[in-house]
Amino acid sequence: MKPLLSKEEVEQLDEEQLEAYVNTVRSTERERRSLLKHASGYHGRWLSGFVFLAVYVVISLLDLAQSTWGNSILCFVAFALIQWHATGINRRIDSLSRLLRDEILEIER
């Protein structure tokens, strides 16, 4: 990642401006590291697959026709897992697209 200011421009800043610049660079780098972490992979995809399989096995092995509470709880758990999985995947896609956009903007400079 290219610095926001050149070395000569940084040397001309007074102490207050330099502190603000350092904070900006730190926050930009922290955000980039976070994006890279999210973009590098979504580890919940493996766990959610095993949990979906477990819920499927429980539903197929148990006779839940008598238990409406059991059906309601299993449906809620399945819905919550799907939402959790979708959130993780969407976070990864957002991070990847943002990193790609930043790289394209840097190339255009």
Protein backbone atom coordinates (compact mmCIF):
# COMPACT_ATOMS: atom_id res chain seq x y z
CA MET A 1 0.00 0.00 0.00
CA LYS A 2 1.33 3.41 -0.94
CA PRO A 3 1.65 6.04 1.80
CA LEU A 4 -0.82 8.88 1.77
CA LEU A 5 1.91 11.53 1.80
CA SER A 6 5.46 11.54 0.50
CA LYS A 7 8.43 11.63 2.86
CA GLU A 8 9.05 15.30 2.10
CA GLU A 9 5.42 16.21 2.84
CA VAL A 10 5.53 14.33 6.15
CA GLU A 11 8.69 16.18 7.19
CA GLN A 12 6.90 19.52 6.65
CA LEU A 13 4.03 18.70 9.02
CA ASP A 14 3.93 20.21 12.47
CA GLU A 15 3.51 18.02 15.55
CA GLU A 16 -0.29 18.13 15.67
CA GLN A 17 -0.66 17.41 11.96
CA LEU A 18 1.88 14.60 12.23
CA GLU A 19 -0.07 12.99 15.05
CA ALA A 20 -3.29 13.20 13.02
CA TYR A 21 -1.49 11.73 10.00
CA VAL A 22 -0.07 8.85 12.08
CA ASN A 23 -3.54 8.10 13.47
CA THR A 24 -4.97 8.08 9.94
CA VAL A 25 -2.27 5.72 8.69
CA ARG A 26 -2.74 3.43 11.70
CA SER A 27 -6.51 3.23 11.26
CA THR A 28 -6.12 2.62 7.52
CA GLU A 29 -3.63 -0.19 8.15
CA ARG A 30 -5.80 -1.68 10.94
CA GLU A 31 -8.80 -1.68 8.61
CA ARG A 32 -6.76 -3.29 5.84
CA ARG A 33 -5.53 -6.04 8.19
CA SER A 34 -9.11 -6.68 9.27
CA LEU A 35 -10.23 -6.90 5.64
CA LEU A 36 -7.40 -9.30 4.84
CA LYS A 37 -8.35 -11.46 7.83
CA HIS A 38 -11.99 -11.64 6.73
CA ALA A 39 -11.09 -12.15 3.08
CA SER A 40 -8.59 -14.91 3.77
CA GLY A 41 -11.28 -17.38 4.64
CA TYR A 42 -14.42 -18.13 6.50
CA HIS A 43 -13.75 -20.92 8.94
CA GLY A 44 -17.38 -21.31 9.96
CA ARG A 45 -18.23 -22.87 6.61
CA TRP A 46 -16.85 -26.20 7.86
CA LEU A 47 -18.58 -26.06 11.22
CA SER A 48 -21.90 -25.04 9.73
CA GLY A 49 -21.76 -27.95 7.28
CA PHE A 50 -21.30 -30.44 10.10
CA VAL A 51 -24.07 -28.83 12.14
CA PHE A 52 -26.44 -28.90 9.14
CA LEU A 53 -25.65 -32.59 8.74
CA ALA A 54 -26.28 -33.21 12.45
CA VAL A 55 -29.64 -31.40 12.32
CA TYR A 56 -30.59 -33.42 9.24
CA VAL A 57 -29.68 -36.69 10.98
CA VAL A 58 -31.66 -35.72 14.09
CA ILE A 59 -34.71 -34.80 12.01
CA SER A 60 -34.53 -37.98 9.94
CA LEU A 61 -33.95 -40.32 12.92
CA LEU A 62 -36.51 -38.92 15.33
CA ASP A 63 -40.23 -39.17 14.91
CA LEU A 64 -41.09 -35.54 15.44
CA ALA A 65 -44.65 -35.73 14.23
CA GLN A 66 -45.86 -35.72 17.84
CA SER A 67 -43.62 -32.94 19.08
CA THR A 68 -44.46 -29.47 17.79
CA TRP A 69 -42.02 -27.89 20.29
CA GLY A 70 -39.23 -30.09 18.94
CA ASN A 71 -40.07 -29.09 15.38
CA SER A 72 -40.16 -25.41 16.33
CA ILE A 73 -36.82 -25.59 18.12
CA LEU A 74 -35.15 -27.46 15.25
CA CYS A 75 -36.52 -24.99 12.71
CA PHE A 76 -35.26 -22.08 14.80
CA VAL A 77 -31.82 -23.67 15.16
CA ALA A 78 -31.63 -24.35 11.41
CA PHE A 79 -32.68 -20.76 10.63
CA ALA A 80 -30.12 -19.34 13.07
CA LEU A 81 -27.34 -21.47 11.57
CA ILE A 82 -28.23 -20.41 8.04
CA GLN A 83 -28.18 -16.75 9.07
CA TRP A 84 -24.82 -17.17 10.84
CA HIS A 85 -23.35 -18.90 7.80
CA ALA A 86 -24.69 -16.26 5.39
CA THR A 87 -23.28 -13.46 7.53
CA GLY A 88 -19.81 -15.01 7.45
CA ILE A 89 -19.90 -15.57 3.70
CA ASN A 90 -21.18 -12.04 3.07
CA ARG A 91 -18.44 -10.56 5.27
CA ARG A 92 -15.84 -12.44 3.24
CA ILE A 93 -17.31 -11.28 -0.08
CA ASP A 94 -17.48 -7.67 1.14
CA SER A 95 -13.86 -7.80 2.29
CA LEU A 96 -12.68 -9.27 -0.99
CA SER A 97 -14.55 -6.69 -3.07
CA ARG A 98 -13.25 -3.83 -0.94
CA LEU A 99 -9.66 -5.05 -1.18
CA LEU A 100 -10.05 -5.43 -4.93
CA ARG A 101 -11.47 -1.92 -5.23
CA ASP A 102 -8.57 -0.52 -3.19
CA GLU A 103 -6.06 -2.32 -5.40
CA ILE A 104 -7.73 -1.00 -8.58
CA LEU A 105 -7.68 2.56 -7.20
CA GLU A 106 -4.02 2.19 -6.27
CA ILE A 107 -3.16 0.94 -9.77
CA GLU A 108 -4.98 3.89 -11.36
CA ARG A 109 -2.85 6.40 -9.39
